[in-house]
Amino acid sequence: MFYNNTIEFITDGTYSVSNAIIRYIKSPQIVSYSLATSSDLPEHTHDELVSLAVRIALENVEQPRLQTYGQEMSVME
């Protein structure tokens, strides 16, 4: 647990923690075009998002189908 800027390990009292590997999920930086801040996302994610947006836009213009969005999202995962 994080408490007052320290990490607290809670045990049942039968052992002590001598070392630990700590992983955390970083809060993403807020992206602003007006402030010219960049995204924390990896470069390949940008390409995937653009590709998905283009496919959805083209389908909406040319031949709308309702199921494509769900299929595209399952491919991205």
N, C-alpha and C. Protein backbone atom coordinates (compact mmCIF):
# COMPACT_ATOMS: atom_id res chain seq x y z
N MET A 1 0.84 -1.18 0.00
CA MET A 1 0.00 0.00 0.00
C MET A 1 0.88 1.24 0.00
N PHE A 2 0.43 2.26 -0.65
CA PHE A 2 1.11 3.55 -0.60
C PHE A 2 0.45 4.36 0.50
N TYR A 3 1.29 4.93 1.36
CA TYR A 3 0.77 5.71 2.47
C TYR A 3 1.77 6.81 2.82
N ASN A 4 1.37 8.06 2.74
CA ASN A 4 2.24 9.20 3.06
C ASN A 4 3.58 9.14 2.31
N ASN A 5 3.52 8.92 1.03
CA ASN A 5 4.71 8.84 0.17
C ASN A 5 5.67 7.72 0.56
N THR A 6 5.19 6.70 1.22
CA THR A 6 5.98 5.52 1.53
C THR A 6 5.22 4.28 1.07
N ILE A 7 5.93 3.18 0.96
CA ILE A 7 5.30 1.93 0.58
C ILE A 7 5.23 1.06 1.83
N GLU A 8 4.06 0.56 2.11
CA GLU A 8 3.84 -0.25 3.30
C GLU A 8 3.51 -1.68 2.87
N PHE A 9 4.27 -2.64 3.39
CA PHE A 9 4.00 -4.05 3.11
C PHE A 9 3.23 -4.64 4.27
N ILE A 10 2.12 -5.27 3.98
CA ILE A 10 1.29 -5.86 5.02
C ILE A 10 1.46 -7.37 4.96
N THR A 11 1.88 -7.95 6.06
CA THR A 11 2.07 -9.40 6.12
C THR A 11 1.22 -9.98 7.24
N ASP A 12 1.21 -11.30 7.36
CA ASP A 12 0.47 -11.94 8.45
C ASP A 12 1.32 -12.08 9.71
N GLY A 13 2.55 -11.54 9.69
CA GLY A 13 3.40 -11.58 10.86
C GLY A 13 4.32 -12.78 10.94
N THR A 14 4.17 -13.74 10.04
CA THR A 14 5.01 -14.94 10.10
C THR A 14 6.28 -14.79 9.25
N TYR A 15 6.41 -13.70 8.53
CA TYR A 15 7.60 -13.47 7.73
C TYR A 15 7.81 -11.97 7.59
N SER A 16 9.00 -11.59 7.16
CA SER A 16 9.28 -10.18 6.89
C SER A 16 9.68 -10.04 5.43
N VAL A 17 9.46 -8.89 4.88
CA VAL A 17 9.78 -8.63 3.48
C VAL A 17 11.19 -8.05 3.44
N SER A 18 12.12 -8.78 2.82
CA SER A 18 13.51 -8.31 2.74
C SER A 18 13.78 -7.53 1.45
N ASN A 19 13.07 -7.87 0.39
CA ASN A 19 13.19 -7.10 -0.86
C ASN A 19 11.90 -7.27 -1.66
N ALA A 20 11.71 -6.39 -2.61
CA ALA A 20 10.48 -6.42 -3.40
C ALA A 20 10.73 -5.78 -4.76
N ILE A 21 9.98 -6.22 -5.73
CA ILE A 21 9.96 -5.58 -7.05
C ILE A 21 8.62 -4.88 -7.15
N ILE A 22 8.66 -3.60 -7.41
CA ILE A 22 7.43 -2.81 -7.43
C ILE A 22 7.16 -2.35 -8.86
N ARG A 23 5.95 -2.61 -9.33
CA ARG A 23 5.51 -2.15 -10.64
C ARG A 23 4.32 -1.24 -10.44
N TYR A 24 4.21 -0.26 -11.27
CA TYR A 24 3.06 0.63 -11.19
C TYR A 24 2.66 1.07 -12.58
N ILE A 25 1.45 1.52 -12.67
CA ILE A 25 0.95 2.04 -13.94
C ILE A 25 0.99 3.56 -13.84
N LYS A 26 1.70 4.15 -14.75
CA LYS A 26 1.85 5.60 -14.76
C LYS A 26 0.57 6.26 -15.25
N SER A 27 0.21 7.35 -14.64
CA SER A 27 -0.91 8.14 -15.14
C SER A 27 -0.46 8.84 -16.42
N PRO A 28 -1.25 8.75 -17.48
CA PRO A 28 -0.81 9.34 -18.74
C PRO A 28 -0.78 10.87 -18.68
N GLN A 29 0.13 11.43 -19.44
CA GLN A 29 0.23 12.88 -19.55
C GLN A 29 -0.94 13.39 -20.38
N ILE A 30 -1.49 14.51 -20.01
CA ILE A 30 -2.59 15.11 -20.78
C ILE A 30 -2.00 15.70 -22.05
N VAL A 31 -2.56 15.32 -23.18
CA VAL A 31 -2.06 15.78 -24.48
C VAL A 31 -2.82 17.03 -24.88
N SER A 32 -2.07 18.03 -25.27
CA SER A 32 -2.69 19.30 -25.67
C SER A 32 -2.03 19.77 -26.96
N TYR A 33 -2.83 20.00 -27.97
CA TYR A 33 -2.30 20.51 -29.22
C TYR A 33 -1.86 21.96 -29.08
N SER A 34 -2.58 22.74 -28.28
CA SER A 34 -2.23 24.15 -28.14
C SER A 34 -0.93 24.33 -27.35
N LEU A 35 -0.64 23.42 -26.42
CA LEU A 35 0.60 23.52 -25.64
C LEU A 35 1.73 22.69 -26.24
N ALA A 36 1.45 22.00 -27.33
CA ALA A 36 2.42 21.17 -28.04
C ALA A 36 3.02 20.09 -27.15
N THR A 37 2.19 19.45 -26.32
CA THR A 37 2.67 18.32 -25.52
C THR A 37 2.49 17.05 -26.33
N SER A 38 3.37 16.11 -26.10
CA SER A 38 3.30 14.86 -26.85
C SER A 38 2.67 13.77 -25.98
N SER A 39 2.32 12.69 -26.63
CA SER A 39 1.67 11.57 -25.96
C SER A 39 2.69 10.63 -25.36
N ASP A 40 2.30 9.91 -24.31
CA ASP A 40 3.15 8.89 -23.70
C ASP A 40 3.03 7.55 -24.43
N LEU A 41 2.16 7.48 -25.42
CA LEU A 41 1.93 6.22 -26.13
C LEU A 41 3.12 5.88 -27.02
N PRO A 42 3.39 4.59 -27.21
CA PRO A 42 4.46 4.20 -28.12
C PRO A 42 4.14 4.59 -29.56
N GLU A 43 5.17 4.72 -30.37
CA GLU A 43 4.99 5.15 -31.77
C GLU A 43 4.05 4.23 -32.54
N HIS A 44 4.16 2.91 -32.35
CA HIS A 44 3.32 1.99 -33.14
C HIS A 44 1.84 2.17 -32.80
N THR A 45 1.53 2.62 -31.59
CA THR A 45 0.13 2.84 -31.21
C THR A 45 -0.47 3.96 -32.05
N HIS A 46 0.31 4.99 -32.31
CA HIS A 46 -0.17 6.09 -33.15
C HIS A 46 -0.56 5.57 -34.53
N ASP A 47 0.30 4.75 -35.12
CA ASP A 47 0.01 4.18 -36.44
C ASP A 47 -1.26 3.33 -36.42
N GLU A 48 -1.45 2.54 -35.36
CA GLU A 48 -2.64 1.71 -35.26
C GLU A 48 -3.90 2.55 -35.12
N LEU A 49 -3.83 3.61 -34.33
CA LEU A 49 -5.00 4.48 -34.16
C LEU A 49 -5.36 5.20 -35.46
N VAL A 50 -4.36 5.68 -36.17
CA VAL A 50 -4.61 6.36 -37.45
C VAL A 50 -5.21 5.38 -38.45
N SER A 51 -4.66 4.18 -38.51
CA SER A 51 -5.17 3.16 -39.43
C SER A 51 -6.63 2.83 -39.12
N LEU A 52 -6.95 2.65 -37.86
CA LEU A 52 -8.32 2.36 -37.47
C LEU A 52 -9.25 3.51 -37.82
N ALA A 53 -8.82 4.74 -37.55
CA ALA A 53 -9.65 5.91 -37.86
C ALA A 53 -9.90 6.03 -39.35
N VAL A 54 -8.89 5.77 -40.17
CA VAL A 54 -9.05 5.85 -41.62
C VAL A 54 -10.02 4.78 -42.11
N ARG A 55 -9.89 3.55 -41.60
CA ARG A 55 -10.81 2.48 -42.03
C ARG A 55 -12.24 2.80 -41.65
N ILE A 56 -12.45 3.31 -40.46
CA ILE A 56 -13.82 3.65 -40.03
C ILE A 56 -14.37 4.80 -40.89
N ALA A 57 -13.54 5.82 -41.14
CA ALA A 57 -14.00 6.96 -41.95
C ALA A 57 -14.33 6.53 -43.38
N LEU A 58 -13.47 5.71 -43.97
CA LEU A 58 -13.73 5.25 -45.34
C LEU A 58 -15.00 4.42 -45.41
N GLU A 59 -15.19 3.59 -44.43
CA GLU A 59 -16.40 2.77 -44.44
C GLU A 59 -17.65 3.63 -44.28
N ASN A 60 -17.58 4.64 -43.43
CA ASN A 60 -18.74 5.52 -43.24
C ASN A 60 -19.06 6.30 -44.51
N VAL A 61 -18.05 6.65 -45.28
CA VAL A 61 -18.27 7.41 -46.50
C VAL A 61 -18.75 6.50 -47.63
N GLU A 62 -18.11 5.34 -47.77
CA GLU A 62 -18.39 4.48 -48.91
C GLU A 62 -19.55 3.52 -48.71
N GLN A 63 -19.49 2.72 -47.68
CA GLN A 63 -20.49 1.68 -47.50
C GLN A 63 -20.63 1.35 -46.00
N PRO A 64 -21.48 2.06 -45.30
CA PRO A 64 -21.60 1.85 -43.86
C PRO A 64 -22.08 0.44 -43.49
N ARG A 65 -21.39 -0.15 -42.53
CA ARG A 65 -21.80 -1.42 -41.94
C ARG A 65 -21.67 -1.28 -40.44
N LEU A 66 -22.58 -1.86 -39.71
CA LEU A 66 -22.59 -1.67 -38.26
C LEU A 66 -21.57 -2.53 -37.52
N GLN A 67 -21.16 -3.66 -38.06
CA GLN A 67 -20.35 -4.60 -37.32
C GLN A 67 -18.85 -4.32 -37.39
N THR A 68 -18.40 -3.50 -38.26
CA THR A 68 -16.96 -3.33 -38.46
C THR A 68 -16.26 -2.78 -37.23
N TYR A 69 -16.85 -1.83 -36.54
CA TYR A 69 -16.20 -1.22 -35.38
C TYR A 69 -15.87 -2.27 -34.33
N GLY A 70 -16.81 -3.12 -34.02
CA GLY A 70 -16.56 -4.19 -33.04
C GLY A 70 -15.48 -5.15 -33.49
N GLN A 71 -15.48 -5.49 -34.78
CA GLN A 71 -14.45 -6.38 -35.33
C GLN A 71 -13.08 -5.73 -35.27
N GLU A 72 -12.99 -4.45 -35.58
CA GLU A 72 -11.72 -3.74 -35.55
C GLU A 72 -11.17 -3.67 -34.13
N MET A 73 -12.04 -3.44 -33.17
CA MET A 73 -11.59 -3.36 -31.78
C MET A 73 -11.07 -4.70 -31.29
N SER A 74 -11.68 -5.79 -31.70
CA SER A 74 -11.20 -7.11 -31.29
C SER A 74 -9.85 -7.43 -31.92
N VAL A 75 -9.62 -6.93 -33.14
CA VAL A 75 -8.31 -7.13 -33.80
C VAL A 75 -7.24 -6.34 -33.07
N MET A 76 -7.55 -5.13 -32.59
CA MET A 76 -6.58 -4.29 -31.91
C MET A 76 -6.16 -4.86 -30.57
N GLU A 77 -7.06 -5.58 -29.92
CA GLU A 77 -6.74 -6.14 -28.60
C GLU A 77 -5.83 -7.30 -28.78
